[in-house]
N, C-alpha and C. Protein backbone atom coordinates (compact mmCIF):
# COMPACT_ATOMS: atom_id res chain seq x y z
N UNK A 1 -80.18 -21.52 -73.59
CA UNK A 1 -80.24 -21.08 -72.20
C UNK A 1 -79.46 -22.02 -71.31
N UNK A 2 -79.70 -23.32 -71.60
CA UNK A 2 -78.99 -24.32 -70.81
C UNK A 2 -77.50 -24.20 -70.97
N UNK A 3 -77.08 -23.94 -72.19
CA UNK A 3 -75.63 -23.78 -72.40
C UNK A 3 -75.09 -22.53 -71.71
N UNK A 4 -75.92 -21.50 -71.61
CA UNK A 4 -75.51 -20.26 -70.95
C UNK A 4 -75.30 -20.50 -69.45
N UNK A 5 -76.28 -21.26 -68.92
CA UNK A 5 -76.20 -21.57 -67.49
C UNK A 5 -74.96 -22.41 -67.19
N UNK A 6 -74.70 -23.38 -68.06
CA UNK A 6 -73.51 -24.23 -67.87
C UNK A 6 -72.23 -23.40 -67.92
N UNK A 7 -72.24 -22.41 -68.86
CA UNK A 7 -71.03 -21.58 -68.98
C UNK A 7 -70.83 -20.75 -67.73
N UNK A 8 -71.92 -20.22 -67.15
CA UNK A 8 -71.83 -19.40 -65.96
C UNK A 8 -71.35 -20.21 -64.76
N UNK A 9 -71.90 -21.44 -64.67
CA UNK A 9 -71.49 -22.31 -63.57
C UNK A 9 -70.02 -22.65 -63.70
N UNK A 10 -69.62 -22.83 -64.97
CA UNK A 10 -68.21 -23.14 -65.20
C UNK A 10 -67.34 -21.97 -64.79
N UNK A 11 -67.75 -20.73 -65.12
CA UNK A 11 -66.99 -19.52 -64.73
C UNK A 11 -66.99 -19.37 -63.20
N UNK A 12 -68.16 -19.73 -62.58
CA UNK A 12 -68.24 -19.61 -61.12
C UNK A 12 -67.26 -20.56 -60.45
N UNK A 13 -67.21 -21.82 -60.95
CA UNK A 13 -66.25 -22.81 -60.39
C UNK A 13 -64.82 -22.34 -60.57
N UNK A 14 -64.59 -21.73 -61.74
CA UNK A 14 -63.24 -21.25 -62.01
C UNK A 14 -62.88 -20.14 -61.05
N UNK A 15 -63.85 -19.26 -60.70
CA UNK A 15 -63.60 -18.16 -59.75
C UNK A 15 -63.32 -18.69 -58.37
N UNK A 16 -64.09 -19.74 -57.99
CA UNK A 16 -63.87 -20.33 -56.66
C UNK A 16 -62.47 -20.92 -56.57
N UNK A 17 -62.14 -21.64 -57.70
CA UNK A 17 -60.78 -22.24 -57.72
C UNK A 17 -59.71 -21.16 -57.65
N UNK A 18 -60.03 -20.02 -58.33
CA UNK A 18 -59.08 -18.90 -58.34
C UNK A 18 -58.92 -18.34 -56.95
N UNK A 19 -60.04 -18.17 -56.27
CA UNK A 19 -60.00 -17.63 -54.89
C UNK A 19 -59.27 -18.59 -53.99
N UNK A 20 -59.57 -19.89 -54.19
CA UNK A 20 -58.89 -20.89 -53.37
C UNK A 20 -57.40 -20.83 -53.59
N UNK A 21 -57.05 -20.64 -54.92
CA UNK A 21 -55.62 -20.56 -55.24
C UNK A 21 -54.99 -19.34 -54.60
N UNK A 22 -55.76 -18.22 -54.71
CA UNK A 22 -55.24 -16.97 -54.11
C UNK A 22 -55.12 -17.14 -52.60
N UNK A 23 -56.17 -17.73 -52.02
CA UNK A 23 -56.16 -17.94 -50.57
C UNK A 23 -55.00 -18.82 -50.16
N UNK A 24 -54.87 -19.90 -50.98
CA UNK A 24 -53.77 -20.81 -50.69
C UNK A 24 -52.45 -20.10 -50.83
N UNK A 25 -52.41 -19.25 -51.88
CA UNK A 25 -51.17 -18.51 -52.10
C UNK A 25 -50.92 -17.56 -50.96
N UNK A 26 -52.01 -16.89 -50.50
CA UNK A 26 -51.84 -15.96 -49.38
C UNK A 26 -51.43 -16.70 -48.13
N UNK A 27 -52.07 -17.89 -47.96
CA UNK A 27 -51.67 -18.70 -46.80
C UNK A 27 -50.21 -19.05 -46.85
N UNK A 28 -49.79 -19.39 -48.11
CA UNK A 28 -48.38 -19.73 -48.28
C UNK A 28 -47.51 -18.54 -47.93
N UNK A 29 -47.96 -17.35 -48.38
CA UNK A 29 -47.20 -16.14 -48.07
C UNK A 29 -47.15 -15.93 -46.56
N UNK A 30 -48.33 -16.22 -45.93
CA UNK A 30 -48.34 -16.07 -44.49
C UNK A 30 -47.35 -17.01 -43.86
N UNK A 31 -47.37 -18.24 -44.45
CA UNK A 31 -46.41 -19.22 -43.94
C UNK A 31 -45.01 -18.72 -44.13
N UNK A 32 -44.79 -18.12 -45.33
CA UNK A 32 -43.46 -17.59 -45.61
C UNK A 32 -43.14 -16.45 -44.67
N UNK A 33 -44.20 -15.60 -44.46
CA UNK A 33 -44.01 -14.48 -43.54
C UNK A 33 -43.69 -14.98 -42.15
N UNK A 34 -44.45 -16.05 -41.78
CA UNK A 34 -44.20 -16.62 -40.47
C UNK A 34 -42.79 -17.16 -40.40
N UNK A 35 -42.44 -17.75 -41.58
CA UNK A 35 -41.06 -18.26 -41.63
C UNK A 35 -40.08 -17.14 -41.46
N UNK A 36 -40.39 -16.01 -42.12
CA UNK A 36 -39.51 -14.85 -41.99
C UNK A 36 -39.48 -14.39 -40.56
N UNK A 37 -40.71 -14.42 -39.97
CA UNK A 37 -40.78 -14.05 -38.56
C UNK A 37 -39.95 -14.99 -37.73
N UNK A 38 -40.08 -16.28 -38.13
CA UNK A 38 -39.25 -17.26 -37.43
C UNK A 38 -37.80 -16.95 -37.60
N UNK A 39 -37.50 -16.56 -38.91
CA UNK A 39 -36.11 -16.20 -39.18
C UNK A 39 -35.72 -15.00 -38.36
N UNK A 40 -36.67 -14.00 -38.28
CA UNK A 40 -36.42 -12.81 -37.49
C UNK A 40 -36.21 -13.18 -36.04
N UNK A 41 -37.10 -14.13 -35.58
CA UNK A 41 -36.93 -14.56 -34.20
C UNK A 41 -35.59 -15.23 -34.02
N UNK A 42 -35.22 -15.98 -35.08
CA UNK A 42 -33.91 -16.63 -35.03
C UNK A 42 -32.81 -15.60 -34.94
N UNK A 43 -33.00 -14.51 -35.73
CA UNK A 43 -32.00 -13.43 -35.70
C UNK A 43 -31.94 -12.81 -34.33
N UNK A 44 -33.17 -12.57 -33.79
CA UNK A 44 -33.22 -12.00 -32.45
C UNK A 44 -32.56 -12.93 -31.47
N UNK A 45 -32.84 -14.24 -31.65
CA UNK A 45 -32.20 -15.23 -30.78
C UNK A 45 -30.70 -15.18 -30.91
N UNK A 46 -30.29 -15.02 -32.21
CA UNK A 46 -28.84 -14.93 -32.44
C UNK A 46 -28.26 -13.71 -31.77
N UNK A 47 -29.01 -12.57 -31.88
CA UNK A 47 -28.55 -11.32 -31.27
C UNK A 47 -28.48 -11.47 -29.77
N UNK A 48 -29.56 -12.14 -29.23
CA UNK A 48 -29.57 -12.36 -27.79
C UNK A 48 -28.40 -13.21 -27.37
N UNK A 49 -28.14 -14.24 -28.21
CA UNK A 49 -27.01 -15.13 -27.91
C UNK A 49 -25.71 -14.36 -27.94
N UNK A 50 -25.60 -13.42 -28.94
CA UNK A 50 -24.39 -12.62 -29.05
C UNK A 50 -24.22 -11.72 -27.84
N UNK A 51 -25.35 -11.10 -27.39
CA UNK A 51 -25.31 -10.25 -26.20
C UNK A 51 -24.91 -11.06 -24.99
N UNK A 52 -25.43 -12.28 -24.90
CA UNK A 52 -25.06 -13.15 -23.78
C UNK A 52 -23.59 -13.45 -23.79
N UNK A 53 -23.05 -13.62 -25.04
CA UNK A 53 -21.62 -13.90 -25.17
C UNK A 53 -20.80 -12.74 -24.66
N UNK A 54 -21.28 -11.49 -24.98
CA UNK A 54 -20.58 -10.28 -24.54
C UNK A 54 -20.57 -10.19 -23.02
N UNK A 55 -21.76 -10.43 -22.43
CA UNK A 55 -21.86 -10.37 -20.97
C UNK A 55 -20.97 -11.43 -20.35
N UNK A 56 -21.01 -12.62 -20.95
CA UNK A 56 -20.16 -13.71 -20.46
C UNK A 56 -18.69 -13.33 -20.53
N UNK A 57 -18.32 -12.63 -21.65
CA UNK A 57 -16.92 -12.20 -21.82
C UNK A 57 -16.52 -11.21 -20.76
N UNK A 58 -17.42 -10.24 -20.48
CA UNK A 58 -17.12 -9.24 -19.45
C UNK A 58 -17.00 -9.91 -18.09
N UNK A 59 -17.90 -10.87 -17.83
CA UNK A 59 -17.85 -11.58 -16.56
C UNK A 59 -16.53 -12.33 -16.41
N UNK A 60 -16.09 -12.93 -17.53
CA UNK A 60 -14.81 -13.66 -17.49
C UNK A 60 -13.65 -12.70 -17.19
N UNK A 61 -13.68 -11.51 -17.85
CA UNK A 61 -12.63 -10.52 -17.60
C UNK A 61 -12.62 -10.06 -16.15
N UNK A 62 -13.82 -9.85 -15.58
CA UNK A 62 -13.92 -9.43 -14.18
C UNK A 62 -13.36 -10.50 -13.26
N UNK A 63 -13.72 -11.77 -13.55
CA UNK A 63 -13.21 -12.88 -12.74
C UNK A 63 -11.70 -12.96 -12.82
N UNK A 64 -11.17 -12.73 -14.03
CA UNK A 64 -9.71 -12.78 -14.22
C UNK A 64 -9.02 -11.68 -13.43
N UNK A 65 -9.64 -10.47 -13.42
CA UNK A 65 -9.07 -9.36 -12.67
C UNK A 65 -9.06 -9.64 -11.17
N UNK A 66 -10.17 -10.21 -10.68
CA UNK A 66 -10.24 -10.58 -9.26
C UNK A 66 -9.18 -11.61 -8.93
N UNK A 67 -9.01 -12.58 -9.84
CA UNK A 67 -8.01 -13.63 -9.59
C UNK A 67 -6.61 -13.05 -9.51
N UNK A 68 -6.28 -12.15 -10.47
CA UNK A 68 -4.95 -11.55 -10.48
C UNK A 68 -4.72 -10.69 -9.25
N UNK A 69 -5.76 -9.93 -8.84
CA UNK A 69 -5.64 -9.07 -7.66
C UNK A 69 -5.41 -9.91 -6.41
N UNK A 70 -6.17 -11.02 -6.32
CA UNK A 70 -5.99 -11.92 -5.19
C UNK A 70 -4.59 -12.50 -5.18
N UNK A 71 -4.09 -12.84 -6.35
CA UNK A 71 -2.74 -13.41 -6.45
C UNK A 71 -1.70 -12.40 -6.01
N UNK A 72 -1.90 -11.12 -6.40
CA UNK A 72 -0.96 -10.07 -6.01
C UNK A 72 -0.95 -9.90 -4.50
N UNK A 73 -2.12 -10.00 -3.87
CA UNK A 73 -2.19 -9.82 -2.42
C UNK A 73 -1.53 -10.97 -1.68
N UNK A 74 -1.39 -12.11 -2.36
CA UNK A 74 -0.77 -13.27 -1.71
C UNK A 74 0.73 -13.33 -1.96
N UNK A 75 1.24 -12.45 -2.81
CA UNK A 75 2.67 -12.46 -3.08
C UNK A 75 3.44 -12.12 -1.82
N UNK A 76 4.68 -12.61 -1.74
CA UNK A 76 5.51 -12.35 -0.56
C UNK A 76 5.83 -10.88 -0.42
N UNK A 77 6.06 -10.21 -1.53
CA UNK A 77 6.44 -8.79 -1.49
C UNK A 77 5.21 -7.93 -1.62
N UNK A 78 4.87 -7.22 -0.53
CA UNK A 78 3.68 -6.38 -0.53
C UNK A 78 3.92 -5.11 -1.33
N UNK A 79 2.83 -4.53 -1.84
CA UNK A 79 2.93 -3.27 -2.55
C UNK A 79 3.13 -2.17 -1.53
N UNK A 80 4.14 -1.36 -1.72
CA UNK A 80 4.48 -0.34 -0.74
C UNK A 80 3.86 1.00 -1.10
N UNK A 81 3.35 1.69 -0.11
CA UNK A 81 2.78 3.01 -0.32
C UNK A 81 3.31 3.95 0.76
N UNK A 82 3.44 5.24 0.43
CA UNK A 82 3.75 6.27 1.41
C UNK A 82 5.01 6.02 2.19
N UNK A 83 4.86 6.02 3.51
CA UNK A 83 6.00 5.91 4.42
C UNK A 83 6.76 4.61 4.21
N UNK A 84 6.03 3.49 4.06
CA UNK A 84 6.71 2.21 3.86
C UNK A 84 7.52 2.21 2.57
N UNK A 85 7.02 2.88 1.54
CA UNK A 85 7.75 2.95 0.27
C UNK A 85 9.08 3.67 0.46
N UNK A 86 9.07 4.76 1.24
CA UNK A 86 10.31 5.50 1.51
C UNK A 86 11.29 4.63 2.28
N UNK A 87 10.80 3.92 3.30
CA UNK A 87 11.67 3.07 4.11
C UNK A 87 12.26 1.94 3.27
N UNK A 88 11.47 1.39 2.36
CA UNK A 88 11.98 0.31 1.51
C UNK A 88 13.04 0.82 0.54
N UNK A 89 12.89 2.06 0.10
CA UNK A 89 13.92 2.65 -0.74
C UNK A 89 15.24 2.77 0.03
N UNK A 90 15.15 2.96 1.34
CA UNK A 90 16.34 3.08 2.18
C UNK A 90 16.90 1.71 2.60
N UNK A 91 16.16 0.65 2.28
CA UNK A 91 16.65 -0.69 2.57
C UNK A 91 15.99 -1.38 3.75
N UNK A 92 14.88 -0.81 4.26
CA UNK A 92 14.18 -1.41 5.40
C UNK A 92 12.86 -2.00 4.94
N UNK A 93 12.42 -3.06 5.59
CA UNK A 93 11.15 -3.67 5.25
C UNK A 93 9.98 -2.78 5.68
N UNK A 94 10.12 -2.18 6.85
CA UNK A 94 9.07 -1.33 7.40
C UNK A 94 9.64 -0.52 8.57
N UNK A 95 8.75 0.18 9.30
CA UNK A 95 9.19 1.02 10.41
C UNK A 95 9.83 0.19 11.53
N UNK A 96 9.29 -1.00 11.76
CA UNK A 96 9.84 -1.86 12.82
C UNK A 96 11.27 -2.27 12.50
N UNK A 97 11.54 -2.51 11.23
CA UNK A 97 12.89 -2.88 10.81
C UNK A 97 13.88 -1.75 11.11
N UNK A 98 13.49 -0.52 10.82
CA UNK A 98 14.35 0.63 11.12
C UNK A 98 14.52 0.80 12.63
N UNK A 99 13.45 0.61 13.37
CA UNK A 99 13.51 0.70 14.83
C UNK A 99 14.51 -0.31 15.40
N UNK A 100 14.45 -1.53 14.92
CA UNK A 100 15.36 -2.58 15.41
C UNK A 100 16.81 -2.28 15.01
N UNK A 101 17.00 -1.72 13.82
CA UNK A 101 18.35 -1.38 13.37
C UNK A 101 18.97 -0.33 14.28
N UNK A 102 18.18 0.69 14.64
CA UNK A 102 18.69 1.75 15.51
C UNK A 102 18.95 1.20 16.92
N UNK A 103 18.08 0.33 17.39
CA UNK A 103 18.30 -0.25 18.72
C UNK A 103 19.59 -1.07 18.76
N UNK A 104 19.86 -1.79 17.70
CA UNK A 104 21.10 -2.57 17.64
C UNK A 104 22.33 -1.66 17.68
N UNK A 105 22.21 -0.48 17.11
CA UNK A 105 23.32 0.48 17.16
C UNK A 105 23.54 1.01 18.58
N UNK A 106 22.45 1.25 19.30
CA UNK A 106 22.53 1.93 20.59
C UNK A 106 22.79 1.00 21.77
N UNK A 107 22.40 -0.23 21.65
CA UNK A 107 22.44 -1.13 22.80
C UNK A 107 23.86 -1.35 23.34
N UNK A 108 24.85 -1.18 22.48
CA UNK A 108 26.23 -1.42 22.92
C UNK A 108 26.96 -0.19 23.44
N UNK A 109 26.32 0.99 23.45
CA UNK A 109 26.97 2.19 23.98
C UNK A 109 27.26 1.99 25.46
N UNK A 110 28.47 2.29 25.87
CA UNK A 110 28.87 2.10 27.27
C UNK A 110 28.54 3.33 28.10
N UNK A 111 28.18 3.07 29.34
CA UNK A 111 27.92 4.16 30.28
C UNK A 111 29.23 4.89 30.57
N UNK A 112 29.22 6.23 30.64
CA UNK A 112 30.47 6.98 30.86
C UNK A 112 31.17 6.66 32.18
N UNK A 113 30.42 6.17 33.18
CA UNK A 113 31.01 5.93 34.50
C UNK A 113 31.05 4.46 34.90
N UNK A 114 30.04 3.71 34.49
CA UNK A 114 29.92 2.33 34.94
C UNK A 114 30.35 1.35 33.85
N UNK A 115 30.84 0.18 34.23
CA UNK A 115 31.26 -0.82 33.23
C UNK A 115 30.06 -1.59 32.67
N UNK A 116 29.07 -0.86 32.22
CA UNK A 116 27.84 -1.47 31.70
C UNK A 116 27.44 -0.74 30.42
N UNK A 117 26.59 -1.38 29.66
CA UNK A 117 26.05 -0.72 28.47
C UNK A 117 24.76 0.02 28.85
N UNK A 118 24.33 0.90 27.97
CA UNK A 118 23.08 1.61 28.22
C UNK A 118 21.89 0.65 28.21
N UNK A 119 22.02 -0.45 27.46
CA UNK A 119 20.97 -1.47 27.48
C UNK A 119 20.93 -2.16 28.83
N UNK A 120 22.09 -2.49 29.40
CA UNK A 120 22.15 -3.15 30.71
C UNK A 120 21.48 -2.30 31.79
N UNK A 121 21.66 -0.99 31.70
CA UNK A 121 21.13 -0.08 32.71
C UNK A 121 19.69 0.36 32.40
N UNK A 122 19.14 -0.12 31.29
CA UNK A 122 17.80 0.26 30.84
C UNK A 122 17.68 1.76 30.56
N UNK A 123 18.82 2.36 30.21
CA UNK A 123 18.79 3.76 29.78
C UNK A 123 18.24 3.82 28.36
N UNK A 124 18.59 2.81 27.57
CA UNK A 124 18.09 2.66 26.21
C UNK A 124 17.19 1.43 26.16
N UNK A 125 16.04 1.53 25.52
CA UNK A 125 15.10 0.41 25.41
C UNK A 125 14.40 0.53 24.07
N UNK A 126 14.03 -0.59 23.52
CA UNK A 126 13.48 -0.62 22.17
C UNK A 126 12.16 0.15 22.05
N UNK A 127 11.35 0.13 23.10
CA UNK A 127 10.08 0.84 23.07
C UNK A 127 10.25 2.36 23.09
N UNK A 128 11.48 2.82 23.34
CA UNK A 128 11.75 4.25 23.37
C UNK A 128 12.19 4.79 22.01
N UNK A 129 12.12 3.97 20.97
CA UNK A 129 12.51 4.40 19.62
C UNK A 129 11.24 4.47 18.77
N UNK A 130 10.98 5.64 18.21
CA UNK A 130 9.75 5.86 17.46
C UNK A 130 10.07 6.33 16.04
N UNK A 131 9.54 5.63 15.05
CA UNK A 131 9.69 6.05 13.66
C UNK A 131 8.45 6.87 13.30
N UNK A 132 8.66 8.15 12.99
CA UNK A 132 7.57 9.08 12.73
C UNK A 132 7.40 9.30 11.23
N UNK A 133 6.29 9.91 10.81
CA UNK A 133 6.10 10.22 9.37
C UNK A 133 7.24 11.10 8.85
N UNK A 134 7.65 10.91 7.61
CA UNK A 134 8.78 11.68 7.06
C UNK A 134 8.44 13.15 6.87
N UNK A 135 9.48 13.95 6.69
CA UNK A 135 9.29 15.38 6.44
C UNK A 135 8.75 15.58 5.03
N UNK A 136 8.41 16.84 4.69
CA UNK A 136 7.91 17.14 3.35
C UNK A 136 8.95 16.86 2.27
N UNK A 137 10.21 16.91 2.67
CA UNK A 137 11.28 16.62 1.71
C UNK A 137 11.68 15.15 1.72
N UNK A 138 10.81 14.30 2.29
CA UNK A 138 11.02 12.85 2.32
C UNK A 138 12.28 12.43 3.07
N UNK A 139 12.47 13.01 4.23
CA UNK A 139 13.56 12.59 5.13
C UNK A 139 12.92 11.85 6.30
N UNK A 140 13.42 10.67 6.59
CA UNK A 140 12.88 9.86 7.68
C UNK A 140 13.08 10.58 9.02
N UNK A 141 12.09 10.46 9.89
CA UNK A 141 12.15 11.10 11.21
C UNK A 141 12.10 10.03 12.29
N UNK A 142 13.05 10.09 13.20
CA UNK A 142 13.11 9.12 14.30
C UNK A 142 13.25 9.88 15.61
N UNK A 143 12.46 9.49 16.58
CA UNK A 143 12.53 10.08 17.92
C UNK A 143 13.06 9.00 18.87
N UNK A 144 14.09 9.37 19.65
CA UNK A 144 14.67 8.43 20.61
C UNK A 144 14.52 9.00 22.01
N UNK A 145 13.94 8.21 22.86
CA UNK A 145 13.74 8.58 24.27
C UNK A 145 14.69 7.74 25.12
N UNK A 146 15.36 8.39 26.05
CA UNK A 146 16.22 7.61 26.96
C UNK A 146 15.93 7.99 28.41
N UNK A 147 16.28 7.09 29.31
CA UNK A 147 15.93 7.22 30.72
C UNK A 147 17.18 7.23 31.59
N UNK A 148 17.63 8.40 32.05
CA UNK A 148 18.81 8.45 32.93
C UNK A 148 18.59 7.60 34.18
N UNK A 149 19.67 7.11 34.73
CA UNK A 149 19.56 6.22 35.89
C UNK A 149 19.05 6.94 37.14
N UNK A 150 19.36 8.21 37.26
CA UNK A 150 18.88 9.00 38.41
C UNK A 150 18.38 10.37 37.91
N UNK A 151 17.44 11.00 38.62
CA UNK A 151 16.87 12.28 38.17
C UNK A 151 17.87 13.43 38.11
N UNK A 152 18.99 13.31 38.80
CA UNK A 152 19.99 14.38 38.80
C UNK A 152 21.27 13.96 38.07
N UNK A 153 21.16 13.00 37.17
CA UNK A 153 22.34 12.48 36.47
C UNK A 153 23.09 13.62 35.77
N UNK A 154 24.37 13.76 36.09
CA UNK A 154 25.17 14.84 35.52
C UNK A 154 25.70 14.50 34.13
N UNK A 155 25.53 13.24 33.74
CA UNK A 155 26.05 12.81 32.44
C UNK A 155 24.95 12.62 31.39
N UNK A 156 23.76 13.11 31.69
CA UNK A 156 22.64 12.93 30.77
C UNK A 156 22.91 13.61 29.42
N UNK A 157 23.52 14.79 29.45
CA UNK A 157 23.83 15.48 28.18
C UNK A 157 24.84 14.69 27.37
N UNK A 158 25.84 14.14 28.04
CA UNK A 158 26.86 13.33 27.35
C UNK A 158 26.23 12.08 26.75
N UNK A 159 25.32 11.45 27.48
CA UNK A 159 24.64 10.25 26.97
C UNK A 159 23.83 10.60 25.72
N UNK A 160 23.11 11.72 25.77
CA UNK A 160 22.34 12.15 24.61
C UNK A 160 23.23 12.42 23.41
N UNK A 161 24.40 12.99 23.65
CA UNK A 161 25.36 13.25 22.57
C UNK A 161 25.88 11.94 21.98
N UNK A 162 26.16 10.99 22.83
CA UNK A 162 26.63 9.67 22.37
C UNK A 162 25.57 9.00 21.48
N UNK A 163 24.32 9.09 21.89
CA UNK A 163 23.22 8.50 21.11
C UNK A 163 23.15 9.12 19.72
N UNK A 164 23.23 10.44 19.68
CA UNK A 164 23.15 11.13 18.39
C UNK A 164 24.30 10.76 17.47
N UNK A 165 25.52 10.79 17.98
CA UNK A 165 26.69 10.51 17.14
C UNK A 165 26.67 9.06 16.65
N UNK A 166 26.28 8.15 17.53
CA UNK A 166 26.25 6.72 17.16
C UNK A 166 25.24 6.47 16.03
N UNK A 167 24.06 7.04 16.12
CA UNK A 167 23.03 6.81 15.11
C UNK A 167 23.42 7.47 13.79
N UNK A 168 23.86 8.71 13.85
CA UNK A 168 24.19 9.44 12.61
C UNK A 168 25.36 8.79 11.87
N UNK A 169 26.29 8.21 12.61
CA UNK A 169 27.41 7.51 11.97
C UNK A 169 27.01 6.12 11.50
N UNK A 170 26.11 5.50 12.21
CA UNK A 170 25.77 4.11 11.92
C UNK A 170 24.80 3.91 10.77
N UNK A 171 24.01 4.93 10.47
CA UNK A 171 23.05 4.79 9.37
C UNK A 171 23.66 5.33 8.08
N UNK A 172 23.50 4.62 6.98
CA UNK A 172 24.11 5.04 5.71
C UNK A 172 23.29 6.07 4.94
N UNK A 173 22.37 6.72 5.60
CA UNK A 173 21.51 7.70 4.92
C UNK A 173 21.15 8.82 5.88
N UNK A 174 20.63 9.89 5.32
CA UNK A 174 20.24 11.05 6.11
C UNK A 174 18.99 10.74 6.93
N UNK A 175 18.92 11.32 8.12
CA UNK A 175 17.77 11.10 8.99
C UNK A 175 17.59 12.31 9.89
N UNK A 176 16.33 12.65 10.17
CA UNK A 176 16.06 13.71 11.15
C UNK A 176 15.89 13.04 12.50
N UNK A 177 16.80 13.33 13.41
CA UNK A 177 16.86 12.63 14.68
C UNK A 177 16.51 13.57 15.83
N UNK A 178 15.50 13.22 16.58
CA UNK A 178 15.11 13.98 17.77
C UNK A 178 15.35 13.10 19.00
N UNK A 179 16.12 13.62 19.96
CA UNK A 179 16.47 12.84 21.14
C UNK A 179 15.93 13.56 22.38
N UNK A 180 15.24 12.81 23.22
CA UNK A 180 14.63 13.40 24.41
C UNK A 180 14.81 12.50 25.62
N UNK A 181 14.90 13.15 26.77
CA UNK A 181 14.86 12.41 28.03
C UNK A 181 13.42 12.01 28.31
N UNK A 182 13.24 10.84 28.85
CA UNK A 182 11.89 10.38 29.19
C UNK A 182 11.21 11.40 30.10
N UNK A 183 9.96 11.68 29.80
CA UNK A 183 9.23 12.70 30.54
C UNK A 183 9.24 12.43 32.04
N UNK A 184 9.72 13.43 32.80
CA UNK A 184 9.73 13.32 34.25
C UNK A 184 10.91 12.55 34.83
N UNK A 185 11.87 12.14 33.96
CA UNK A 185 12.98 11.30 34.43
C UNK A 185 14.20 12.11 34.88
N UNK A 186 14.19 13.42 34.64
CA UNK A 186 15.35 14.24 35.01
C UNK A 186 14.89 15.62 35.47
N UNK A 187 15.65 16.18 36.40
CA UNK A 187 15.27 17.48 36.97
C UNK A 187 15.36 18.62 35.96
N UNK A 188 16.31 18.53 35.04
CA UNK A 188 16.50 19.60 34.05
C UNK A 188 16.32 19.07 32.62
N UNK A 189 15.33 18.26 32.43
CA UNK A 189 15.14 17.59 31.14
C UNK A 189 14.92 18.57 29.99
N UNK A 190 14.20 19.66 30.23
CA UNK A 190 13.93 20.60 29.15
C UNK A 190 15.21 21.25 28.64
N UNK A 191 16.08 21.65 29.53
CA UNK A 191 17.35 22.26 29.13
C UNK A 191 18.25 21.27 28.41
N UNK A 192 18.29 20.06 28.91
CA UNK A 192 19.13 19.03 28.27
C UNK A 192 18.59 18.69 26.89
N UNK A 193 17.26 18.60 26.76
CA UNK A 193 16.65 18.32 25.45
C UNK A 193 17.04 19.37 24.42
N UNK A 194 17.06 20.62 24.84
CA UNK A 194 17.46 21.70 23.94
C UNK A 194 18.91 21.54 23.50
N UNK A 195 19.76 21.20 24.43
CA UNK A 195 21.19 21.06 24.12
C UNK A 195 21.47 19.94 23.13
N UNK A 196 20.85 18.80 23.34
CA UNK A 196 21.18 17.63 22.50
C UNK A 196 20.43 17.62 21.17
N UNK A 197 19.59 18.65 20.95
CA UNK A 197 18.91 18.77 19.66
C UNK A 197 19.27 20.07 18.94
N UNK A 198 20.26 20.76 19.46
CA UNK A 198 20.73 22.01 18.87
C UNK A 198 21.99 21.72 18.06
N UNK A 199 21.94 21.88 16.74
CA UNK A 199 23.07 21.54 15.87
C UNK A 199 24.33 22.33 16.21
N UNK A 200 24.16 23.59 16.53
CA UNK A 200 25.33 24.43 16.83
C UNK A 200 26.00 23.98 18.13
N UNK A 201 25.21 23.67 19.13
CA UNK A 201 25.78 23.20 20.41
C UNK A 201 26.46 21.83 20.24
N UNK A 202 25.86 21.00 19.42
CA UNK A 202 26.46 19.68 19.18
C UNK A 202 27.81 19.82 18.48
N UNK A 203 27.84 20.67 17.46
CA UNK A 203 29.09 20.89 16.72
C UNK A 203 30.16 21.46 17.63
N UNK A 204 29.78 22.41 18.48
CA UNK A 204 30.74 23.01 19.41
C UNK A 204 31.26 21.98 20.41
N UNK A 205 30.36 21.10 20.90
CA UNK A 205 30.76 20.08 21.86
C UNK A 205 31.76 19.11 21.24
N UNK A 206 31.54 18.73 19.99
CA UNK A 206 32.43 17.77 19.35
C UNK A 206 33.77 18.39 18.94
N UNK A 207 33.88 19.70 19.02
CA UNK A 207 35.17 20.35 18.77
C UNK A 207 36.04 20.37 20.02
N UNK A 208 35.44 20.07 21.16
CA UNK A 208 36.19 19.98 22.42
C UNK A 208 36.90 18.63 22.48
N UNK A 209 38.24 18.60 22.48
CA UNK A 209 38.98 17.32 22.41
C UNK A 209 38.62 16.36 23.54
N UNK A 210 38.52 16.87 24.75
CA UNK A 210 38.23 16.00 25.89
C UNK A 210 36.83 15.38 25.78
N UNK A 211 35.86 16.21 25.42
CA UNK A 211 34.49 15.70 25.28
C UNK A 211 34.38 14.73 24.11
N UNK A 212 35.08 15.04 23.03
CA UNK A 212 35.05 14.15 21.86
C UNK A 212 35.65 12.79 22.21
N UNK A 213 36.73 12.77 23.00
CA UNK A 213 37.34 11.50 23.41
C UNK A 213 36.39 10.67 24.27
N UNK A 214 35.65 11.36 25.15
CA UNK A 214 34.68 10.65 25.98
C UNK A 214 33.61 9.98 25.11
N UNK A 215 33.12 10.74 24.14
CA UNK A 215 32.09 10.20 23.23
C UNK A 215 32.63 9.00 22.45
N UNK A 216 33.83 9.16 21.90
CA UNK A 216 34.42 8.08 21.09
C UNK A 216 34.61 6.81 21.92
N UNK A 217 35.02 6.95 23.17
CA UNK A 217 35.22 5.78 24.03
C UNK A 217 33.90 5.09 24.34
N UNK A 218 32.86 5.87 24.48
CA UNK A 218 31.54 5.29 24.82
C UNK A 218 30.90 4.56 23.63
N UNK A 219 31.11 5.09 22.44
CA UNK A 219 30.38 4.54 21.28
C UNK A 219 31.19 3.54 20.44
N UNK A 220 32.46 3.39 20.74
CA UNK A 220 33.27 2.50 19.90
C UNK A 220 32.80 1.06 20.06
N UNK A 221 32.88 0.32 18.96
CA UNK A 221 32.45 -1.08 18.98
C UNK A 221 33.45 -1.93 19.73
N UNK A 222 32.94 -2.92 20.43
CA UNK A 222 33.82 -3.84 21.16
C UNK A 222 34.58 -4.70 20.16
N UNK A 223 35.84 -4.93 20.45
CA UNK A 223 36.68 -5.76 19.57
C UNK A 223 36.52 -7.24 19.89
């Protein structure tokens, strides 16, 4: 009996040791699992780090784009759009440049009667030159306003003709030119405006030898 009891106690101790071993083994597995979890966390950390790298990369690209855009805006040569692009194709920096070019052409036109230029008499003035939006066919449009010296000036039509011929000859490109007397500056301004903007009347006037000579004398450059 005593030997039976000893054998049972021995088996019981062995079972406890077995359970302890299993428990220890399970604990180890848990540790391993935790390690795997740690590894998983590490992977997640790595993934998070990778995502951060991507965001950082995009942020860098955005910063680079802003830098380049800012640099472009600081360049001496501006990006041209629309009307300015057309003017630059014609050789002008902008509308003001074309306005000044036309004024330089007109300022030296001589008055048909007086020994003065139209600039001297304030018949032509820079503020009376307007660069308008181009036509649908991309032709530049310029309006020129002039101020006769007196409301009944009999040479207003001739002056308007001189302005037209001088500009059309002086510019190396096609232009739509509208010439008008300053509002309220002449008694028959509407009729004169029609005459100096009518292509057929202009052509007929320039076929008249006497009138053509008058125009040529007024617009010729000083030697």
